[in-house]
Amino acid sequence: MKRACRPWVERLPIKQQCILFSAMRGPDAGKCARVKRVVRWMRALVVHNVANGHYTRVGGNLPKAKAFARQAEWLTQHYVNHFAEALHVVARFHPEDATQRRAWGYLEALLKDVVPLVRDLE
């Protein structure tokens, strides 16, 4: 039987898995293409694209961290907090160094100007 989650996600404690799942939903704001691209990137890291649809298709280059954070600043704090926590999980636990570094870059950009605090994940 095929699984929905990538193997690295299945090895995480349930709390970190839930944090990732909470960020899978895209932002409600209509005009935030940079944020939506990063959301699709994260989905592709976490789940398999079983329908071959746009759900996990990134399309084009990912935005620079600062441009991503500038756009995220206009989203609800609730959504941004969930997404920042999920970036923290990817940055700490994803098996590929390049992916960890990219997640850290996005997280640091959010923490600098947008998110006042990310809860401890341990």
PDB file of N, CA and C in Angstrom:
ATOM      1  N   MET A   1       0.840  -1.166   0.000  1.00  0.00           N
ATOM      2  CA  MET A   1       0.000   0.000   0.000  1.00  0.00           C
ATOM      3  C   MET A   1       0.894   1.241   0.000  1.00  0.00           C
ATOM      4  N   LYS A   2       0.568   2.196  -0.859  1.00  0.00           N
ATOM      5  CA  LYS A   2       1.319   3.443  -0.920  1.00  0.00           C
ATOM      6  C   LYS A   2       0.913   4.348   0.230  1.00  0.00           C
ATOM      7  N   ARG A   3       1.877   5.046   0.777  1.00  0.00           N
ATOM      8  CA  ARG A   3       1.630   5.948   1.898  1.00  0.00           C
ATOM      9  C   ARG A   3       1.546   7.382   1.397  1.00  0.00           C
ATOM     10  N   ALA A   4       0.810   8.196   2.131  1.00  0.00           N
ATOM     11  CA  ALA A   4       0.643   9.599   1.751  1.00  0.00           C
ATOM     12  C   ALA A   4       1.875  10.423   2.099  1.00  0.00           C
ATOM     13  N   CYS A   5       2.517  10.125   3.222  1.00  0.00           N
ATOM     14  CA  CYS A   5       3.652  10.921   3.695  1.00  0.00           C
ATOM     15  C   CYS A   5       4.967  10.363   3.193  1.00  0.00           C
ATOM     16  N   ARG A   6       5.918  11.233   3.067  1.00  0.00           N
ATOM     17  CA  ARG A   6       7.284  10.835   2.728  1.00  0.00           C
ATOM     18  C   ARG A   6       7.886  10.095   3.934  1.00  0.00           C
ATOM     19  N   PRO A   7       8.840   9.199   3.696  1.00  0.00           N
ATOM     20  CA  PRO A   7       9.407   8.406   4.800  1.00  0.00           C
ATOM     21  C   PRO A   7       9.993   9.238   5.932  1.00  0.00           C
ATOM     22  N   TRP A   8      10.660  10.346   5.635  1.00  0.00           N
ATOM     23  CA  TRP A   8      11.264  11.142   6.718  1.00  0.00           C
ATOM     24  C   TRP A   8      10.195  11.703   7.644  1.00  0.00           C
ATOM     25  N   VAL A   9       9.004  11.994   7.106  1.00  0.00           N
ATOM     26  CA  VAL A   9       7.906  12.519   7.923  1.00  0.00           C
ATOM     27  C   VAL A   9       7.362  11.417   8.826  1.00  0.00           C
ATOM     28  N   GLU A  10       7.254  10.216   8.292  1.00  0.00           N
ATOM     29  CA  GLU A  10       6.734   9.099   9.084  1.00  0.00           C
ATOM     30  C   GLU A  10       7.626   8.784  10.283  1.00  0.00           C
ATOM     31  N   ARG A  11       8.901   9.105  10.191  1.00  0.00           N
ATOM     32  CA  ARG A  11       9.831   8.836  11.303  1.00  0.00           C
ATOM     33  C   ARG A  11       9.783   9.910  12.391  1.00  0.00           C
ATOM     34  N   LEU A  12       9.106  11.020  12.132  1.00  0.00           N
ATOM     35  CA  LEU A  12       9.006  12.098  13.120  1.00  0.00           C
ATOM     36  C   LEU A  12       8.024  11.748  14.225  1.00  0.00           C
ATOM     37  N   PRO A  13       8.209  12.318  15.406  1.00  0.00           N
ATOM     38  CA  PRO A  13       7.188  12.177  16.451  1.00  0.00           C
ATOM     39  C   PRO A  13       5.865  12.794  15.963  1.00  0.00           C
ATOM     40  N   ILE A  14       4.784  12.341  16.516  1.00  0.00           N
ATOM     41  CA  ILE A  14       3.459  12.767  16.065  1.00  0.00           C
ATOM     42  C   ILE A  14       3.273  14.282  16.167  1.00  0.00           C
ATOM     43  N   LYS A  15       3.860  14.912  17.173  1.00  0.00           N
ATOM     44  CA  LYS A  15       3.724  16.363  17.322  1.00  0.00           C
ATOM     45  C   LYS A  15       4.302  17.096  16.112  1.00  0.00           C
ATOM     46  N   GLN A  16       5.503  16.704  15.665  1.00  0.00           N
ATOM     47  CA  GLN A  16       6.101  17.349  14.510  1.00  0.00           C
ATOM     48  C   GLN A  16       5.315  17.053  13.231  1.00  0.00           C
ATOM     49  N   GLN A  17       4.767  15.844  13.110  1.00  0.00           N
ATOM     50  CA  GLN A  17       3.938  15.527  11.946  1.00  0.00           C
ATOM     51  C   GLN A  17       2.717  16.450  11.900  1.00  0.00           C
ATOM     52  N   CYS A  18       2.075  16.631  13.034  1.00  0.00           N
ATOM     53  CA  CYS A  18       0.893  17.497  13.085  1.00  0.00           C
ATOM     54  C   CYS A  18       1.240  18.946  12.746  1.00  0.00           C
ATOM     55  N   ILE A  19       2.400  19.395  13.184  1.00  0.00           N
ATOM     56  CA  ILE A  19       2.846  20.749  12.849  1.00  0.00           C
ATOM     57  C   ILE A  19       2.992  20.880  11.331  1.00  0.00           C
ATOM     58  N   LEU A  20       3.575  19.886  10.691  1.00  0.00           N
ATOM     59  CA  LEU A  20       3.715  19.925   9.236  1.00  0.00           C
ATOM     60  C   LEU A  20       2.353  19.935   8.554  1.00  0.00           C
ATOM     61  N   PHE A  21       1.444  19.093   9.031  1.00  0.00           N
ATOM     62  CA  PHE A  21       0.125  19.018   8.406  1.00  0.00           C
ATOM     63  C   PHE A  21      -0.650  20.322   8.552  1.00  0.00           C
ATOM     64  N   SER A  22      -0.427  21.017   9.654  1.00  0.00           N
ATOM     65  CA  SER A  22      -1.150  22.276   9.856  1.00  0.00           C
ATOM     66  C   SER A  22      -0.732  23.339   8.843  1.00  0.00           C
ATOM     67  N   ALA A  23       0.430  23.187   8.249  1.00  0.00           N
ATOM     68  CA  ALA A  23       0.912  24.167   7.271  1.00  0.00           C
ATOM     69  C   ALA A  23       0.594  23.767   5.832  1.00  0.00           C
ATOM     70  N   MET A  24       0.003  22.622   5.634  1.00  0.00           N
ATOM     71  CA  MET A  24      -0.272  22.162   4.273  1.00  0.00           C
ATOM     72  C   MET A  24      -1.351  22.987   3.581  1.00  0.00           C
ATOM     73  N   ARG A  25      -2.240  23.538   4.351  1.00  0.00           N
ATOM     74  CA  ARG A  25      -3.294  24.370   3.786  1.00  0.00           C
ATOM     75  C   ARG A  25      -2.674  25.690   3.369  1.00  0.00           C
ATOM     76  N   GLY A  26      -3.000  26.145   2.193  1.00  0.00           N
ATOM     77  CA  GLY A  26      -2.451  27.410   1.717  1.00  0.00           C
ATOM     78  C   GLY A  26      -3.096  28.594   2.410  1.00  0.00           C
ATOM     79  N   PRO A  27      -2.515  29.760   2.235  1.00  0.00           N
ATOM     80  CA  PRO A  27      -3.072  30.966   2.843  1.00  0.00           C
ATOM     81  C   PRO A  27      -4.394  31.351   2.194  1.00  0.00           C
ATOM     82  N   ASP A  28      -5.240  32.017   2.944  1.00  0.00           N
ATOM     83  CA  ASP A  28      -6.542  32.427   2.419  1.00  0.00           C
ATOM     84  C   ASP A  28      -6.441  33.625   1.483  1.00  0.00           C
ATOM     85  N   ALA A  29      -5.405  34.421   1.634  1.00  0.00           N
ATOM     86  CA  ALA A  29      -5.245  35.608   0.797  1.00  0.00           C
ATOM     87  C   ALA A  29      -5.057  35.204  -0.661  1.00  0.00           C
ATOM     88  N   GLY A  30      -5.674  35.942  -1.538  1.00  0.00           N
ATOM     89  CA  GLY A  30      -5.636  35.593  -2.955  1.00  0.00           C
ATOM     90  C   GLY A  30      -4.354  35.957  -3.666  1.00  0.00           C
ATOM     91  N   LYS A  31      -3.749  37.072  -3.322  1.00  0.00           N
ATOM     92  CA  LYS A  31      -2.589  37.550  -4.074  1.00  0.00           C
ATOM     93  C   LYS A  31      -1.314  37.403  -3.256  1.00  0.00           C
ATOM     94  N   CYS A  32      -0.836  36.195  -3.189  1.00  0.00           N
ATOM     95  CA  CYS A  32       0.420  35.948  -2.464  1.00  0.00           C
ATOM     96  C   CYS A  32       1.155  34.803  -3.155  1.00  0.00           C
ATOM     97  N   ALA A  33       1.518  35.018  -4.410  1.00  0.00           N
ATOM     98  CA  ALA A  33       2.127  33.977  -5.239  1.00  0.00           C
ATOM     99  C   ALA A  33       3.419  33.428  -4.643  1.00  0.00           C
ATOM    100  N   ARG A  34       4.230  34.291  -4.030  1.00  0.00           N
ATOM    101  CA  ARG A  34       5.494  33.817  -3.454  1.00  0.00           C
ATOM    102  C   ARG A  34       5.233  32.853  -2.305  1.00  0.00           C
ATOM    103  N   VAL A  35       4.302  33.220  -1.443  1.00  0.00           N
ATOM    104  CA  VAL A  35       3.975  32.354  -0.307  1.00  0.00           C
ATOM    105  C   VAL A  35       3.400  31.039  -0.814  1.00  0.00           C
ATOM    106  N   LYS A  36       2.517  31.102  -1.786  1.00  0.00           N
ATOM    107  CA  LYS A  36       1.899  29.878  -2.305  1.00  0.00           C
ATOM    108  C   LYS A  36       2.935  28.946  -2.927  1.00  0.00           C
ATOM    109  N   ARG A  37       3.959  29.505  -3.588  1.00  0.00           N
ATOM    110  CA  ARG A  37       5.016  28.657  -4.134  1.00  0.00           C
ATOM    111  C   ARG A  37       5.779  27.933  -3.028  1.00  0.00           C
ATOM    112  N   VAL A  38       6.037  28.636  -1.934  1.00  0.00           N
ATOM    113  CA  VAL A  38       6.751  28.012  -0.813  1.00  0.00           C
ATOM    114  C   VAL A  38       5.867  26.960  -0.146  1.00  0.00           C
ATOM    115  N   VAL A  39       4.563  27.211  -0.057  1.00  0.00           N
ATOM    116  CA  VAL A  39       3.637  26.213   0.493  1.00  0.00           C
ATOM    117  C   VAL A  39       3.663  24.951  -0.362  1.00  0.00           C
ATOM    118  N   ARG A  40       3.618  25.096  -1.681  1.00  0.00           N
ATOM    119  CA  ARG A  40       3.659  23.917  -2.551  1.00  0.00           C
ATOM    120  C   ARG A  40       4.996  23.180  -2.415  1.00  0.00           C
ATOM    121  N   TRP A  41       6.084  23.937  -2.244  1.00  0.00           N
ATOM    122  CA  TRP A  41       7.393  23.318  -2.022  1.00  0.00           C
ATOM    123  C   TRP A  41       7.352  22.472  -0.749  1.00  0.00           C
ATOM    124  N   MET A  42       6.786  23.028   0.319  1.00  0.00           N
ATOM    125  CA  MET A  42       6.719  22.288   1.570  1.00  0.00           C
ATOM    126  C   MET A  42       5.835  21.041   1.428  1.00  0.00           C
ATOM    127  N   ARG A  43       4.707  21.184   0.749  1.00  0.00           N
ATOM    128  CA  ARG A  43       3.853  20.001   0.530  1.00  0.00           C
ATOM    129  C   ARG A  43       4.620  18.903  -0.184  1.00  0.00           C
ATOM    130  N   ALA A  44       5.403  19.275  -1.206  1.00  0.00           N
ATOM    131  CA  ALA A  44       6.175  18.287  -1.955  1.00  0.00           C
ATOM    132  C   ALA A  44       7.205  17.596  -1.071  1.00  0.00           C
ATOM    133  N   LEU A  45       7.684  18.286  -0.051  1.00  0.00           N
ATOM    134  CA  LEU A  45       8.634  17.681   0.886  1.00  0.00           C
ATOM    135  C   LEU A  45       7.962  16.704   1.840  1.00  0.00           C
ATOM    136  N   VAL A  46       6.682  16.931   2.116  1.00  0.00           N
ATOM    137  CA  VAL A  46       5.977  16.213   3.174  1.00  0.00           C
ATOM    138  C   VAL A  46       5.127  15.060   2.646  1.00  0.00           C
ATOM    139  N   VAL A  47       4.405  15.272   1.554  1.00  0.00           N
ATOM    140  CA  VAL A  47       3.472  14.261   1.044  1.00  0.00           C
ATOM    141  C   VAL A  47       3.774  13.926  -0.407  1.00  0.00           C
ATOM    142  N   HIS A  48       3.317  12.748  -0.822  1.00  0.00           N
ATOM    143  CA  HIS A  48       3.415  12.339  -2.222  1.00  0.00           C
ATOM    144  C   HIS A  48       2.287  12.998  -3.001  1.00  0.00           C
ATOM    145  N   ASN A  49       2.555  13.375  -4.229  1.00  0.00           N
ATOM    146  CA  ASN A  49       1.535  13.964  -5.091  1.00  0.00           C
ATOM    147  C   ASN A  49       0.825  12.835  -5.830  1.00  0.00           C
ATOM    148  N   VAL A  50      -0.177  12.258  -5.203  1.00  0.00           N
ATOM    149  CA  VAL A  50      -0.842  11.082  -5.765  1.00  0.00           C
ATOM    150  C   VAL A  50      -1.768  11.426  -6.922  1.00  0.00           C
ATOM    151  N   ALA A  51      -2.199  12.669  -7.029  1.00  0.00           N
ATOM    152  CA  ALA A  51      -3.135  13.047  -8.084  1.00  0.00           C
ATOM    153  C   ALA A  51      -2.440  13.727  -9.261  1.00  0.00           C
ATOM    154  N   ASN A  52      -1.110  13.914  -9.177  1.00  0.00           N
ATOM    155  CA  ASN A  52      -0.354  14.610 -10.222  1.00  0.00           C
ATOM    156  C   ASN A  52      -0.943  15.975 -10.555  1.00  0.00           C
ATOM    157  N   GLY A  53      -1.420  16.649  -9.547  1.00  0.00           N
ATOM    158  CA  GLY A  53      -2.011  17.967  -9.740  1.00  0.00           C
ATOM    159  C   GLY A  53      -1.090  19.063  -9.260  1.00  0.00           C
ATOM    160  N   HIS A  54      -1.646  20.257  -9.125  1.00  0.00           N
ATOM    161  CA  HIS A  54      -0.857  21.423  -8.730  1.00  0.00           C
ATOM    162  C   HIS A  54      -0.592  21.479  -7.230  1.00  0.00           C
ATOM    163  N   TYR A  55      -1.159  20.562  -6.464  1.00  0.00           N
ATOM    164  CA  TYR A  55      -1.060  20.601  -5.005  1.00  0.00           C
ATOM    165  C   TYR A  55       0.388  20.664  -4.526  1.00  0.00           C
ATOM    166  N   THR A  56       1.276  19.935  -5.189  1.00  0.00           N
ATOM    167  CA  THR A  56       2.682  19.945  -4.781  1.00  0.00           C
ATOM    168  C   THR A  56       3.610  20.424  -5.893  1.00  0.00           C
ATOM    169  N   ARG A  57       3.079  20.913  -6.997  1.00  0.00           N
ATOM    170  CA  ARG A  57       3.916  21.370  -8.102  1.00  0.00           C
ATOM    171  C   ARG A  57       4.387  22.789  -7.819  1.00  0.00           C
ATOM    172  N   VAL A  58       5.691  22.969  -7.691  1.00  0.00           N
ATOM    173  CA  VAL A  58       6.244  24.269  -7.321  1.00  0.00           C
ATOM    174  C   VAL A  58       6.188  25.215  -8.519  1.00  0.00           C
ATOM    175  N   GLY A  59       6.654  24.809  -9.658  1.00  0.00           N
ATOM    176  CA  GLY A  59       6.620  25.650 -10.850  1.00  0.00           C
ATOM    177  C   GLY A  59       7.525  26.863 -10.755  1.00  0.00           C
ATOM    178  N   GLY A  60       8.593  26.874 -11.504  1.00  0.00           N
ATOM    179  CA  GLY A  60       9.518  28.002 -11.483  1.00  0.00           C
ATOM    180  C   GLY A  60      10.416  27.986 -10.259  1.00  0.00           C
ATOM    181  N   ASN A  61      11.152  29.051 -10.116  1.00  0.00           N
ATOM    182  CA  ASN A  61      12.074  29.164  -8.994  1.00  0.00           C
ATOM    183  C   ASN A  61      11.335  29.542  -7.726  1.00  0.00           C
ATOM    184  N   LEU A  62      11.866  29.077  -6.626  1.00  0.00           N
ATOM    185  CA  LEU A  62      11.327  29.501  -5.332  1.00  0.00           C
ATOM    186  C   LEU A  62      11.762  30.935  -5.066  1.00  0.00           C
ATOM    187  N   PRO A  63      10.943  31.692  -4.365  1.00  0.00           N
ATOM    188  CA  PRO A  63      11.300  33.086  -4.091  1.00  0.00           C
ATOM    189  C   PRO A  63      12.449  33.191  -3.093  1.00  0.00           C
ATOM    190  N   LYS A  64      13.112  34.316  -3.124  1.00  0.00           N
ATOM    191  CA  LYS A  64      14.130  34.620  -2.111  1.00  0.00           C
ATOM    192  C   LYS A  64      13.430  34.745  -0.766  1.00  0.00           C
ATOM    193  N   ALA A  65      14.159  34.453   0.299  1.00  0.00           N
ATOM    194  CA  ALA A  65      13.572  34.444   1.641  1.00  0.00           C
ATOM    195  C   ALA A  65      12.974  35.802   2.014  1.00  0.00           C
ATOM    196  N   LYS A  66      13.671  36.873   1.710  1.00  0.00           N
ATOM    197  CA  LYS A  66      13.183  38.195   2.094  1.00  0.00           C
ATOM    198  C   LYS A  66      11.894  38.561   1.342  1.00  0.00           C
ATOM    199  N   ALA A  67      11.822  38.215   0.053  1.00  0.00           N
ATOM    200  CA  ALA A  67      10.612  38.486  -0.729  1.00  0.00           C
ATOM    201  C   ALA A  67       9.434  37.658  -0.200  1.00  0.00           C
ATOM    202  N   PHE A  68       9.719  36.412   0.173  1.00  0.00           N
ATOM    203  CA  PHE A  68       8.695  35.547   0.771  1.00  0.00           C
ATOM    204  C   PHE A  68       8.160  36.178   2.053  1.00  0.00           C
ATOM    205  N   ALA A  69       9.063  36.618   2.933  1.00  0.00           N
ATOM    206  CA  ALA A  69       8.650  37.185   4.216  1.00  0.00           C
ATOM    207  C   ALA A  69       7.874  38.490   4.036  1.00  0.00           C
ATOM    208  N   ARG A  70       8.281  39.312   3.078  1.00  0.00           N
ATOM    209  CA  ARG A  70       7.546  40.560   2.831  1.00  0.00           C
ATOM    210  C   ARG A  70       6.094  40.278   2.456  1.00  0.00           C
ATOM    211  N   GLN A  71       5.879  39.234   1.675  1.00  0.00           N
ATOM    212  CA  GLN A  71       4.511  38.898   1.302  1.00  0.00           C
ATOM    213  C   GLN A  71       3.771  38.230   2.456  1.00  0.00           C
ATOM    214  N   ALA A  72       4.458  37.394   3.214  1.00  0.00           N
ATOM    215  CA  ALA A  72       3.837  36.716   4.357  1.00  0.00           C
ATOM    216  C   ALA A  72       3.406  37.696   5.432  1.00  0.00           C
ATOM    217  N   GLU A  73       4.036  38.846   5.466  1.00  0.00           N
ATOM    218  CA  GLU A  73       3.710  39.852   6.472  1.00  0.00           C
ATOM    219  C   GLU A  73       2.247  40.283   6.403  1.00  0.00           C
ATOM    220  N   TRP A  74       1.619  40.137   5.247  1.00  0.00           N
ATOM    221  CA  TRP A  74       0.229  40.577   5.061  1.00  0.00           C
ATOM    222  C   TRP A  74      -0.781  39.474   5.334  1.00  0.00           C
ATOM    223  N   LEU A  75      -0.304  38.300   5.704  1.00  0.00           N
ATOM    224  CA  LEU A  75      -1.206  37.183   6.025  1.00  0.00           C
ATOM    225  C   LEU A  75      -1.544  37.223   7.512  1.00  0.00           C
ATOM    226  N   THR A  76      -2.524  36.425   7.899  1.00  0.00           N
ATOM    227  CA  THR A  76      -2.891  36.406   9.314  1.00  0.00           C
ATOM    228  C   THR A  76      -1.749  35.848  10.148  1.00  0.00           C
ATOM    229  N   GLN A  77      -1.601  36.366  11.340  1.00  0.00           N
ATOM    230  CA  GLN A  77      -0.549  35.901  12.242  1.00  0.00           C
ATOM    231  C   GLN A  77      -0.732  34.423  12.568  1.00  0.00           C
ATOM    232  N   HIS A  78      -1.967  34.006  12.689  1.00  0.00           N
ATOM    233  CA  HIS A  78      -2.262  32.601  12.988  1.00  0.00           C
ATOM    234  C   HIS A  78      -1.685  31.686  11.900  1.00  0.00           C
ATOM    235  N   TYR A  79      -1.946  32.021  10.652  1.00  0.00           N
ATOM    236  CA  TYR A  79      -1.428  31.201   9.551  1.00  0.00           C
ATOM    237  C   TYR A  79       0.105  31.227   9.533  1.00  0.00           C
ATOM    238  N   VAL A  80       0.677  32.407   9.655  1.00  0.00           N
ATOM    239  CA  VAL A  80       2.136  32.544   9.588  1.00  0.00           C
ATOM    240  C   VAL A  80       2.809  31.778  10.723  1.00  0.00           C
ATOM    241  N   ASN A  81       2.213  31.787  11.913  1.00  0.00           N
ATOM    242  CA  ASN A  81       2.785  31.022  13.030  1.00  0.00           C
ATOM    243  C   ASN A  81       2.828  29.534  12.718  1.00  0.00           C
ATOM    244  N   HIS A  82       1.727  28.995  12.181  1.00  0.00           N
ATOM    245  CA  HIS A  82       1.718  27.574  11.814  1.00  0.00           C
ATOM    246  C   HIS A  82       2.795  27.282  10.772  1.00  0.00           C
ATOM    247  N   PHE A  83       2.898  28.158   9.783  1.00  0.00           N
ATOM    248  CA  PHE A  83       3.863  27.919   8.716  1.00  0.00           C
ATOM    249  C   PHE A  83       5.296  28.029   9.231  1.00  0.00           C
ATOM    250  N   ALA A  84       5.547  28.980  10.122  1.00  0.00           N
ATOM    251  CA  ALA A  84       6.888  29.125  10.702  1.00  0.00           C
ATOM    252  C   ALA A  84       7.267  27.880  11.503  1.00  0.00           C
ATOM    253  N   GLU A  85       6.341  27.350  12.257  1.00  0.00           N
ATOM    254  CA  GLU A  85       6.629  26.128  13.017  1.00  0.00           C
ATOM    255  C   GLU A  85       6.943  24.965  12.084  1.00  0.00           C
ATOM    256  N   ALA A  86       6.220  24.872  10.976  1.00  0.00           N
ATOM    257  CA  ALA A  86       6.482  23.804  10.009  1.00  0.00           C
ATOM    258  C   ALA A  86       7.852  23.993   9.357  1.00  0.00           C
ATOM    259  N   LEU A  87       8.218  25.227   9.031  1.00  0.00           N
ATOM    260  CA  LEU A  87       9.558  25.485   8.500  1.00  0.00           C
ATOM    261  C   LEU A  87      10.624  25.053   9.493  1.00  0.00           C
ATOM    262  N   HIS A  88      10.362  25.259  10.767  1.00  0.00           N
ATOM    263  CA  HIS A  88      11.301  24.848  11.816  1.00  0.00           C
ATOM    264  C   HIS A  88      11.482  23.331  11.806  1.00  0.00           C
ATOM    265  N   VAL A  89      10.411  22.596  11.657  1.00  0.00           N
ATOM    266  CA  VAL A  89      10.499  21.131  11.600  1.00  0.00           C
ATOM    267  C   VAL A  89      11.318  20.701  10.381  1.00  0.00           C
ATOM    268  N   VAL A  90      11.033  21.290   9.215  1.00  0.00           N
ATOM    269  CA  VAL A  90      11.793  20.943   8.007  1.00  0.00           C
ATOM    270  C   VAL A  90      13.265  21.286   8.194  1.00  0.00           C
ATOM    271  N   ALA A  91      13.532  22.459   8.752  1.00  0.00           N
ATOM    272  CA  ALA A  91      14.913  22.902   8.937  1.00  0.00           C
ATOM    273  C   ALA A  91      15.695  21.989   9.887  1.00  0.00           C
ATOM    274  N   ARG A  92      15.028  21.412  10.833  1.00  0.00           N
ATOM    275  CA  ARG A  92      15.721  20.556  11.807  1.00  0.00           C
ATOM    276  C   ARG A  92      15.771  19.086  11.416  1.00  0.00           C
ATOM    277  N   PHE A  93      14.746  18.603  10.727  1.00  0.00           N
ATOM    278  CA  PHE A  93      14.627  17.154  10.565  1.00  0.00           C
ATOM    279  C   PHE A  93      14.660  16.630   9.133  1.00  0.00           C
ATOM    280  N   HIS A  94      14.581  17.484   8.121  1.00  0.00           N
ATOM    281  CA  HIS A  94      14.620  16.975   6.748  1.00  0.00           C
ATOM    282  C   HIS A  94      15.985  16.345   6.492  1.00  0.00           C
ATOM    283  N   PRO A  95      16.034  15.239   5.762  1.00  0.00           N
ATOM    284  CA  PRO A  95      17.301  14.526   5.578  1.00  0.00           C
ATOM    285  C   PRO A  95      18.299  15.211   4.642  1.00  0.00           C
ATOM    286  N   GLU A  96      17.897  16.185   3.853  1.00  0.00           N
ATOM    287  CA  GLU A  96      18.810  16.832   2.907  1.00  0.00           C
ATOM    288  C   GLU A  96      19.265  18.189   3.436  1.00  0.00           C
ATOM    289  N   ASP A  97      20.574  18.399   3.443  1.00  0.00           N
ATOM    290  CA  ASP A  97      21.142  19.648   3.958  1.00  0.00           C
ATOM    291  C   ASP A  97      20.646  20.872   3.199  1.00  0.00           C
ATOM    292  N   ALA A  98      20.572  20.792   1.862  1.00  0.00           N
ATOM    293  CA  ALA A  98      20.142  21.949   1.072  1.00  0.00           C
ATOM    294  C   ALA A  98      18.710  22.349   1.421  1.00  0.00           C
ATOM    295  N   THR A  99      17.867  21.367   1.652  1.00  0.00           N
ATOM    296  CA  THR A  99      16.481  21.643   2.037  1.00  0.00           C
ATOM    297  C   THR A  99      16.431  22.254   3.428  1.00  0.00           C
ATOM    298  N   GLN A 100      17.234  21.731   4.341  1.00  0.00           N
ATOM    299  CA  GLN A 100      17.295  22.323   5.683  1.00  0.00           C
ATOM    300  C   GLN A 100      17.731  23.780   5.617  1.00  0.00           C
ATOM    301  N   ARG A 101      18.750  24.063   4.829  1.00  0.00           N
ATOM    302  CA  ARG A 101      19.243  25.446   4.722  1.00  0.00           C
ATOM    303  C   ARG A 101      18.185  26.373   4.130  1.00  0.00           C
ATOM    304  N   ARG A 102      17.474  25.906   3.117  1.00  0.00           N
ATOM    305  CA  ARG A 102      16.430  26.737   2.516  1.00  0.00           C
ATOM    306  C   ARG A 102      15.329  27.015   3.538  1.00  0.00           C
ATOM    307  N   ALA A 103      14.914  25.988   4.280  1.00  0.00           N
ATOM    308  CA  ALA A 103      13.881  26.176   5.300  1.00  0.00           C
ATOM    309  C   ALA A 103      14.350  27.143   6.375  1.00  0.00           C
ATOM    310  N   TRP A 104      15.622  27.023   6.812  1.00  0.00           N
ATOM    311  CA  TRP A 104      16.164  27.964   7.802  1.00  0.00           C
ATOM    312  C   TRP A 104      16.122  29.384   7.263  1.00  0.00           C
ATOM    313  N   GLY A 105      16.454  29.544   5.982  1.00  0.00           N
ATOM    314  CA  GLY A 105      16.434  30.880   5.380  1.00  0.00           C
ATOM    315  C   GLY A 105      15.048  31.502   5.413  1.00  0.00           C
ATOM    316  N   TYR A 106      14.038  30.719   5.036  1.00  0.00           N
ATOM    317  CA  TYR A 106      12.665  31.222   5.097  1.00  0.00           C
ATOM    318  C   TYR A 106      12.250  31.512   6.537  1.00  0.00           C
ATOM    319  N   LEU A 107      12.598  30.612   7.450  1.00  0.00           N
ATOM    320  CA  LEU A 107      12.233  30.800   8.850  1.00  0.00           C
ATOM    321  C   LEU A 107      12.899  32.046   9.430  1.00  0.00           C
ATOM    322  N   GLU A 108      14.173  32.212   9.184  1.00  0.00           N
ATOM    323  CA  GLU A 108      14.878  33.392   9.701  1.00  0.00           C
ATOM    324  C   GLU A 108      14.284  34.684   9.152  1.00  0.00           C
ATOM    325  N   ALA A 109      13.895  34.681   7.870  1.00  0.00           N
ATOM    326  CA  ALA A 109      13.275  35.876   7.295  1.00  0.00           C
ATOM    327  C   ALA A 109      11.943  36.182   7.977  1.00  0.00           C
ATOM    328  N   LEU A 110      11.171  35.134   8.274  1.00  0.00           N
ATOM    329  CA  LEU A 110       9.900  35.348   8.986  1.00  0.00           C
ATOM    330  C   LEU A 110      10.144  35.850  10.399  1.00  0.00           C
ATOM    331  N   LEU A 111      11.094  35.249  11.091  1.00  0.00           N
ATOM    332  CA  LEU A 111      11.346  35.625  12.483  1.00  0.00           C
ATOM    333  C   LEU A 111      11.874  37.050  12.606  1.00  0.00           C
ATOM    334  N   LYS A 112      12.585  37.491  11.608  1.00  0.00           N
ATOM    335  CA  LYS A 112      13.164  38.825  11.673  1.00  0.00           C
ATOM    336  C   LYS A 112      12.089  39.917  11.718  1.00  0.00           C
ATOM    337  N   ASP A 113      11.049  39.772  10.908  1.00  0.00           N
ATOM    338  CA  ASP A 113      10.085  40.856  10.777  1.00  0.00           C
ATOM    339  C   ASP A 113       8.633  40.482  11.038  1.00  0.00           C
ATOM    340  N   VAL A 114       8.303  39.191  10.971  1.00  0.00           N
ATOM    341  CA  VAL A 114       6.885  38.829  10.956  1.00  0.00           C
ATOM    342  C   VAL A 114       6.438  38.091  12.203  1.00  0.00           C
ATOM    343  N   VAL A 115       7.164  37.074  12.609  1.00  0.00           N
ATOM    344  CA  VAL A 115       6.727  36.199  13.701  1.00  0.00           C
ATOM    345  C   VAL A 115       7.453  36.559  14.988  1.00  0.00           C
ATOM    346  N   PRO A 116       6.734  36.901  16.030  1.00  0.00           N
ATOM    347  CA  PRO A 116       7.406  37.272  17.269  1.00  0.00           C
ATOM    348  C   PRO A 116       8.027  36.107  18.029  1.00  0.00           C
ATOM    349  N   LEU A 117       7.500  34.891  17.844  1.00  0.00           N
ATOM    350  CA  LEU A 117       7.981  33.763  18.632  1.00  0.00           C
ATOM    351  C   LEU A 117       7.571  32.452  17.969  1.00  0.00           C
ATOM    352  N   VAL A 118       8.478  31.483  17.961  1.00  0.00           N
ATOM    353  CA  VAL A 118       8.158  30.119  17.549  1.00  0.00           C
ATOM    354  C   VAL A 118       8.342  29.241  18.771  1.00  0.00           C
ATOM    355  N   ARG A 119       7.293  28.491  19.114  1.00  0.00           N
ATOM    356  CA  ARG A 119       7.359  27.636  20.300  1.00  0.00           C
ATOM    357  C   ARG A 119       8.451  26.574  20.150  1.00  0.00           C
ATOM    358  N   ASP A 120       8.971  26.164  21.259  1.00  0.00           N
ATOM    359  CA  ASP A 120       9.949  25.095  21.264  1.00  0.00           C
ATOM    360  C   ASP A 120       9.265  23.819  20.791  1.00  0.00           C
ATOM    361  N   LEU A 121       9.919  23.092  19.908  1.00  0.00           N
ATOM    362  CA  LEU A 121       9.306  21.892  19.323  1.00  0.00           C
ATOM    363  C   LEU A 121       9.649  20.614  20.060  1.00  0.00           C
ATOM    364  N   GLU A 122      10.427  20.717  21.080  1.00  0.00           N
ATOM    365  CA  GLU A 122      10.843  19.486  21.756  1.00  0.00           C
ATOM    366  C   GLU A 122      10.066  19.243  23.017  1.00  0.00           C
TER     367      GLU A 122
END
